Amino acid sequence: MPDREKILRIAREEMKKHFFDTFVDQPPSIVRGGKGVVVSGCPMCKKRLQSLQQFMQHISDDFLPVIVDKVTAE
């Protein structure tokens, strides 16, 4: 069984990658002559999210399993 510090380290590393912000979807952006638009969501995953509630769902569905996989693999 992994120790507490190892689990926290892995979780922190993974959580630092994901945040609720904006990103350009379908680059390049309109400013650069493309058809891309700025949308809210997780820039790491390029996943469109409209609210913090959806971001929390993204955390639990998409990257908590990654943390568990990393913890159990080591």
Protein backbone atom coordinates (compact mmCIF):
# COMPACT_ATOMS: atom_id res chain seq x y z
CA MET A 1 0.00 0.00 0.00
CA PRO A 2 1.47 3.37 -1.01
CA ASP A 3 2.16 5.77 1.82
CA ARG A 4 0.31 9.03 2.36
CA GLU A 5 3.17 11.27 1.18
CA LYS A 6 3.51 9.37 -2.08
CA ILE A 7 -0.22 9.66 -2.79
CA LEU A 8 -0.19 13.39 -2.04
CA ARG A 9 2.86 13.95 -4.24
CA ILE A 10 1.28 12.15 -7.20
CA ALA A 11 -2.05 13.93 -6.69
CA ARG A 12 -0.41 17.37 -6.50
CA GLU A 13 1.65 16.74 -9.64
CA GLU A 14 -1.43 15.72 -11.60
CA MET A 15 -3.69 18.46 -10.22
CA LYS A 16 -1.20 21.20 -11.12
CA LYS A 17 -1.65 20.26 -14.77
CA HIS A 18 -5.40 20.94 -14.78
CA PHE A 19 -7.10 24.26 -14.11
CA PHE A 20 -10.22 26.17 -15.14
CA ASP A 21 -9.22 28.85 -17.65
CA THR A 22 -9.64 29.72 -21.31
CA PHE A 23 -7.97 28.31 -24.41
CA VAL A 24 -8.22 28.63 -28.18
CA ASP A 25 -10.33 25.87 -29.65
CA GLN A 26 -9.65 24.84 -33.24
CA PRO A 27 -6.46 26.95 -33.63
CA PRO A 28 -5.38 29.29 -35.03
CA SER A 29 -7.52 31.97 -33.45
CA ILE A 30 -9.53 34.47 -35.46
CA VAL A 31 -6.87 37.07 -34.62
CA ARG A 32 -4.35 34.96 -36.57
CA GLY A 33 -6.66 34.45 -39.52
CA GLY A 34 -8.10 31.12 -38.42
CA LYS A 35 -11.48 29.97 -37.25
CA GLY A 36 -10.52 29.21 -33.65
CA VAL A 37 -12.46 30.72 -30.79
CA VAL A 38 -11.58 31.32 -27.16
CA VAL A 39 -13.58 29.01 -24.87
CA SER A 40 -13.60 28.28 -21.15
CA GLY A 41 -12.50 24.91 -19.84
CA CYS A 42 -9.40 22.87 -19.08
CA PRO A 43 -6.48 23.95 -21.30
CA MET A 44 -4.54 20.76 -20.50
CA CYS A 45 -7.30 18.50 -21.83
CA LYS A 46 -8.73 20.99 -24.33
CA LYS A 47 -12.10 20.16 -22.80
CA ARG A 48 -14.84 22.80 -23.01
CA LEU A 49 -16.46 23.50 -19.64
CA GLN A 50 -18.98 26.20 -18.88
CA SER A 51 -18.95 26.22 -15.07
CA LEU A 52 -16.91 25.33 -12.04
CA GLN A 53 -19.39 22.53 -11.37
CA GLN A 54 -18.50 21.01 -14.75
CA PHE A 55 -14.81 21.45 -13.92
CA MET A 56 -15.30 19.57 -10.64
CA GLN A 57 -17.02 16.80 -12.60
CA HIS A 58 -14.03 16.78 -14.99
CA ILE A 59 -11.70 16.35 -12.00
CA SER A 60 -13.63 13.40 -10.61
CA ASP A 61 -14.32 11.68 -13.94
CA ASP A 62 -11.20 12.33 -15.99
CA PHE A 63 -8.14 12.73 -13.86
CA LEU A 64 -8.77 11.23 -10.43
CA PRO A 65 -8.62 7.82 -12.12
CA VAL A 66 -5.22 8.81 -13.54
CA ILE A 67 -4.00 9.57 -10.02
CA VAL A 68 -5.27 6.22 -8.74
CA ASP A 69 -3.59 4.41 -11.65
CA LYS A 70 -0.26 6.13 -10.96
CA VAL A 71 -0.45 5.36 -7.24
CA THR A 72 -1.24 1.69 -7.77
CA ALA A 73 1.36 1.30 -10.54
CA GLU A 74 4.29 2.47 -8.41
